[in-house]
Amino acid sequence: MKNFAFIRSNVAFIVGLMFLVVTAQAQVSIGARGGASLAKTTGNGGFVENFTGNLNYIVSGNGGVFLQVPISGGLSFRPEIAYTQSGAGISSNDLLDLVGVNLPLGGSLKQRLTYIQAPLLLQYEFGDAGNRVKPYVVVGPTFSYLADGKIVSRADLIIFRTQPNRTSIGLGGFNRFEVGGAGGVGLSFDLGGAKLFVEGRYQRGFTRVYDTPIVQVPVHNQSFTALAGFSIPLGR
């Protein structure tokens, strides 16, 4: 409950900040972005893999809305509200020996953790004001709330593959609130008012994924994201 109250107060603060910025700044832009991520929950030095074997990255979608608030020159503040997923997968390709014939028998198991995230990013664009295409960098902290968790399993039976089975998991053993960081590079394209952009971003959680009071398990989220989006100016 404390974590929920904390994230709720932070989201309220961000929304309020966005409102004040919109009403006070004529050059503010609003935008949306979406893309795909390679995400994995893993431990320092392969801690988890010592018990589970090799873990796979999972592919997931992500999306969000944001404001871009000019500060000075090419520097701007970019608060976001986003949806993102993390987790990990395990796959098996064991062979079943049946009357002397090896038949493929395996499957996959994935843990998907869904977060509502609030990145507070600084963006710096390079190049002259009149340039239509500008490279940029983004960096800043992220604040995430774990909203849902599922186990997705699928079996490969000889030449057949079963439909994925999704099972909700209890979140009592997880840290619901996560503090992390993000950094990335991108290109923006000025279309004479509206802007399009493409971006690559790396994110890392600093908070442990699991809330284990006896043993502090060093497991964190990380992801590599490719995204694209657009923004339009507000005001005059």
Protein backbone atom coordinates (compact mmCIF):
# COMPACT_ATOMS: atom_id res chain seq x y z
CA MET A 1 0.00 0.00 0.00
CA LYS A 2 2.87 2.38 0.71
CA ASN A 3 4.36 1.75 -2.73
CA PHE A 4 0.97 2.28 -4.38
CA ALA A 5 0.44 5.55 -2.53
CA PHE A 6 3.94 6.67 -3.47
CA ILE A 7 3.53 5.94 -7.20
CA ARG A 8 0.05 7.51 -7.16
CA SER A 9 1.44 10.70 -5.65
CA ASN A 10 4.29 10.75 -8.19
CA VAL A 11 1.93 10.27 -11.13
CA ALA A 12 -0.32 13.04 -9.76
CA PHE A 13 2.74 15.30 -9.46
CA ILE A 14 3.80 14.56 -13.06
CA VAL A 15 0.29 15.15 -14.42
CA GLY A 16 0.07 18.40 -12.48
CA LEU A 17 3.49 19.46 -13.76
CA MET A 18 2.40 18.70 -17.33
CA PHE A 19 -0.72 20.84 -16.87
CA LEU A 20 1.26 23.79 -15.52
CA VAL A 21 3.78 23.51 -18.33
CA VAL A 22 1.08 23.40 -21.01
CA THR A 23 -0.63 26.50 -19.65
CA ALA A 24 2.62 28.42 -19.16
CA GLN A 25 4.68 27.57 -22.25
CA ALA A 26 3.77 28.41 -25.86
CA GLN A 27 6.50 26.23 -27.38
CA VAL A 28 5.59 23.02 -25.59
CA SER A 29 4.95 19.99 -27.82
CA ILE A 30 2.83 16.94 -27.08
CA GLY A 31 3.52 13.59 -28.66
CA ALA A 32 3.09 9.83 -28.70
CA ARG A 33 5.56 7.03 -29.27
CA GLY A 34 5.55 3.26 -29.59
CA GLY A 35 7.86 0.42 -30.46
CA ALA A 36 9.22 -2.97 -29.53
CA SER A 37 11.56 -4.09 -26.76
CA LEU A 38 13.93 -6.91 -26.01
CA ALA A 39 13.60 -7.29 -22.24
CA LYS A 40 15.06 -9.62 -19.65
CA THR A 41 14.90 -9.97 -15.88
CA THR A 42 18.37 -11.08 -14.89
CA GLY A 43 20.77 -11.09 -11.95
CA ASN A 44 24.17 -9.56 -11.51
CA GLY A 45 26.79 -11.89 -12.89
CA GLY A 46 24.16 -14.35 -14.12
CA PHE A 47 22.79 -15.02 -10.63
CA VAL A 48 19.39 -16.30 -11.82
CA GLU A 49 20.90 -18.37 -14.62
CA ASN A 50 22.82 -20.40 -12.03
CA PHE A 51 19.47 -21.89 -10.97
CA THR A 52 17.36 -21.74 -14.14
CA GLY A 53 19.84 -22.20 -16.97
CA ASN A 54 20.09 -19.71 -19.80
CA LEU A 55 17.32 -17.14 -19.86
CA ASN A 56 16.00 -15.65 -23.09
CA TYR A 57 14.99 -12.09 -23.82
CA ILE A 58 11.28 -11.61 -24.43
CA VAL A 59 9.87 -9.43 -27.20
CA SER A 60 7.15 -7.02 -26.13
CA GLY A 61 5.41 -3.88 -27.30
CA ASN A 62 5.51 -0.55 -25.53
CA GLY A 63 3.94 2.85 -25.95
CA GLY A 64 3.41 6.17 -24.28
CA VAL A 65 2.59 9.86 -24.45
CA PHE A 66 4.88 12.73 -23.55
CA LEU A 67 5.46 16.46 -23.39
CA GLN A 68 8.56 18.18 -24.70
CA VAL A 69 9.37 21.40 -22.87
CA PRO A 70 12.18 23.62 -24.22
CA ILE A 71 14.69 24.76 -21.59
CA SER A 72 17.56 26.41 -23.45
CA GLY A 73 19.07 25.96 -26.88
CA GLY A 74 18.80 22.31 -27.85
CA LEU A 75 18.00 21.19 -24.29
CA SER A 76 14.45 20.21 -23.36
CA PHE A 77 12.58 18.35 -20.61
CA ARG A 78 10.59 15.29 -21.72
CA PRO A 79 8.26 13.74 -19.11
CA GLU A 80 6.42 10.61 -20.27
CA ILE A 81 3.64 8.26 -19.15
CA ALA A 82 4.20 4.84 -20.71
CA TYR A 83 3.27 1.16 -20.78
CA THR A 84 6.12 -1.35 -20.85
CA GLN A 85 6.84 -5.02 -20.16
CA SER A 86 9.78 -6.93 -18.77
CA GLY A 87 10.43 -10.56 -17.87
CA ALA A 88 12.36 -13.53 -19.17
CA GLY A 89 11.84 -16.78 -21.02
CA ILE A 90 13.09 -20.36 -20.87
CA SER A 91 12.89 -22.74 -23.81
CA SER A 92 13.51 -26.48 -24.01
CA ASN A 93 14.39 -28.58 -27.04
CA ASP A 94 14.68 -31.98 -25.39
CA LEU A 95 14.26 -35.14 -27.44
CA LEU A 96 11.91 -37.95 -26.55
CA ASP A 97 13.39 -41.37 -27.35
CA LEU A 98 10.46 -43.51 -28.52
CA VAL A 99 11.23 -47.05 -29.75
CA GLY A 100 14.66 -45.94 -30.84
CA VAL A 101 13.49 -42.85 -32.72
CA ASN A 102 14.25 -39.36 -31.37
CA LEU A 103 11.13 -37.19 -31.49
CA PRO A 104 11.22 -33.45 -30.73
CA LEU A 105 9.47 -32.53 -27.50
CA GLY A 106 9.89 -29.15 -25.92
CA GLY A 107 8.27 -25.83 -25.20
CA SER A 108 8.71 -22.40 -23.72
CA LEU A 109 7.87 -20.61 -20.51
CA LYS A 110 7.84 -16.82 -20.22
CA GLN A 111 7.31 -14.47 -17.33
CA ARG A 112 5.78 -11.16 -18.44
CA LEU A 113 5.67 -8.25 -16.00
CA THR A 114 3.60 -5.23 -17.05
CA TYR A 115 4.62 -1.82 -15.73
CA ILE A 116 3.11 1.66 -15.86
CA GLN A 117 6.15 3.88 -16.19
CA ALA A 118 6.95 7.57 -15.78
CA PRO A 119 10.33 8.46 -17.36
CA LEU A 120 11.55 12.00 -16.61
CA LEU A 121 14.04 12.60 -19.40
CA LEU A 122 16.31 15.38 -20.55
CA GLN A 123 16.73 15.59 -24.32
CA TYR A 124 19.50 17.42 -26.14
CA GLU A 125 19.33 18.02 -29.90
CA PHE A 126 22.48 18.75 -31.88
CA GLY A 127 22.71 21.07 -34.87
CA ASP A 128 21.55 24.54 -35.88
CA ALA A 129 18.00 25.73 -35.31
CA GLY A 130 17.22 25.65 -39.03
CA ASN A 131 18.27 22.03 -39.57
CA ARG A 132 15.43 19.72 -40.60
CA VAL A 133 17.16 16.58 -39.34
CA LYS A 134 18.79 16.57 -35.91
CA PRO A 135 20.48 13.83 -33.88
CA TYR A 136 19.70 13.86 -30.18
CA VAL A 137 20.37 12.06 -26.90
CA VAL A 138 18.00 11.40 -23.98
CA VAL A 139 18.81 10.45 -20.41
CA GLY A 140 17.00 10.44 -17.08
CA PRO A 141 15.38 8.47 -14.26
CA THR A 142 12.35 6.21 -14.62
CA PHE A 143 9.67 5.43 -12.03
CA SER A 144 7.58 2.31 -12.62
CA TYR A 145 4.64 0.58 -10.98
CA LEU A 146 4.12 -3.17 -11.47
CA ALA A 147 0.49 -3.51 -12.56
CA ASP A 148 0.26 -7.14 -13.70
CA GLY A 149 2.21 -10.37 -14.01
CA LYS A 150 1.62 -13.45 -16.12
CA ILE A 151 3.25 -16.76 -16.95
CA VAL A 152 2.87 -17.66 -20.64
CA SER A 153 3.55 -21.31 -21.48
CA ARG A 154 3.51 -23.18 -24.78
CA ALA A 155 4.38 -26.80 -25.63
CA ASP A 156 5.89 -28.22 -28.82
CA LEU A 157 4.60 -31.76 -29.29
CA ILE A 158 6.33 -33.52 -32.19
CA ILE A 159 5.01 -31.48 -35.16
CA PHE A 160 2.28 -29.57 -33.27
CA ARG A 161 2.52 -26.40 -31.21
CA THR A 162 -0.10 -25.65 -28.59
CA GLN A 163 -1.75 -22.27 -28.17
CA PRO A 164 -0.11 -20.10 -25.49
CA ASN A 165 -1.57 -20.53 -22.01
CA ARG A 166 -1.60 -17.35 -19.90
CA THR A 167 -1.78 -17.61 -16.13
CA SER A 168 -1.88 -14.63 -13.78
CA ILE A 169 0.65 -14.70 -10.97
CA GLY A 170 0.42 -13.15 -7.54
CA LEU A 171 2.47 -10.01 -7.05
CA GLY A 172 3.00 -10.37 -3.31
CA GLY A 173 6.61 -11.47 -3.75
CA PHE A 174 7.51 -8.59 -6.09
CA ASN A 175 8.57 -5.01 -5.51
CA ARG A 176 5.62 -3.13 -6.95
CA PHE A 177 7.59 0.12 -7.30
CA GLU A 178 10.79 0.32 -9.34
CA VAL A 179 13.32 3.12 -9.74
CA GLY A 180 15.54 2.91 -12.80
CA GLY A 181 17.31 4.87 -15.49
CA ALA A 182 17.11 5.25 -19.25
CA GLY A 183 19.36 6.56 -21.97
CA GLY A 184 19.21 6.61 -25.73
CA VAL A 185 19.98 8.24 -29.06
CA GLY A 186 17.69 9.25 -31.89
CA LEU A 187 17.00 11.32 -34.98
CA SER A 188 14.23 13.92 -35.26
CA PHE A 189 12.73 15.10 -38.56
CA ASP A 190 11.10 18.54 -38.70
CA LEU A 191 8.10 18.51 -41.06
CA GLY A 192 7.33 22.19 -40.68
CA GLY A 193 5.56 22.13 -37.34
CA ALA A 194 5.10 18.46 -36.51
CA LYS A 195 8.12 16.28 -35.86
CA LEU A 196 8.77 12.62 -36.47
CA PHE A 197 11.53 10.73 -34.68
CA VAL A 198 13.16 7.33 -34.35
CA GLU A 199 15.01 6.33 -31.21
CA GLY A 200 16.98 3.53 -29.61
CA ARG A 201 16.86 3.32 -25.83
CA TYR A 202 18.38 1.23 -23.05
CA GLN A 203 16.63 0.93 -19.67
CA ARG A 204 17.83 -0.59 -16.42
CA GLY A 205 16.00 -1.05 -13.14
CA PHE A 206 17.95 -0.20 -9.98
CA THR A 207 15.35 -1.68 -7.61
CA ARG A 208 15.34 -5.45 -7.08
CA VAL A 209 12.47 -7.17 -8.89
CA TYR A 210 11.65 -9.57 -6.03
CA ASP A 211 10.76 -8.50 -2.50
CA THR A 212 12.43 -11.19 -0.39
CA PRO A 213 13.05 -10.03 3.19
CA ILE A 214 15.32 -12.95 4.15
CA VAL A 215 17.56 -13.25 1.07
CA GLN A 216 18.21 -10.11 -1.00
CA VAL A 217 18.12 -11.57 -4.53
CA PRO A 218 20.09 -9.29 -6.92
CA VAL A 219 17.63 -9.47 -9.83
CA HIS A 220 16.83 -6.42 -11.99
CA ASN A 221 15.00 -5.52 -15.19
CA GLN A 222 16.74 -4.35 -18.33
CA SER A 223 15.60 -3.75 -21.89
CA PHE A 224 16.68 -2.56 -25.32
CA THR A 225 13.96 -0.64 -27.17
CA ALA A 226 13.50 0.57 -30.73
CA LEU A 227 10.74 3.16 -31.00
CA ALA A 228 9.25 5.80 -33.26
CA GLY A 229 6.87 8.65 -32.64
CA PHE A 230 5.68 12.14 -33.44
CA SER A 231 5.07 15.42 -31.68
CA ILE A 232 3.03 18.53 -32.45
CA PRO A 233 3.38 21.98 -30.89
CA LEU A 234 0.80 23.36 -28.48
CA GLY A 235 -0.21 26.98 -28.21
CA ARG A 236 0.53 29.42 -30.96
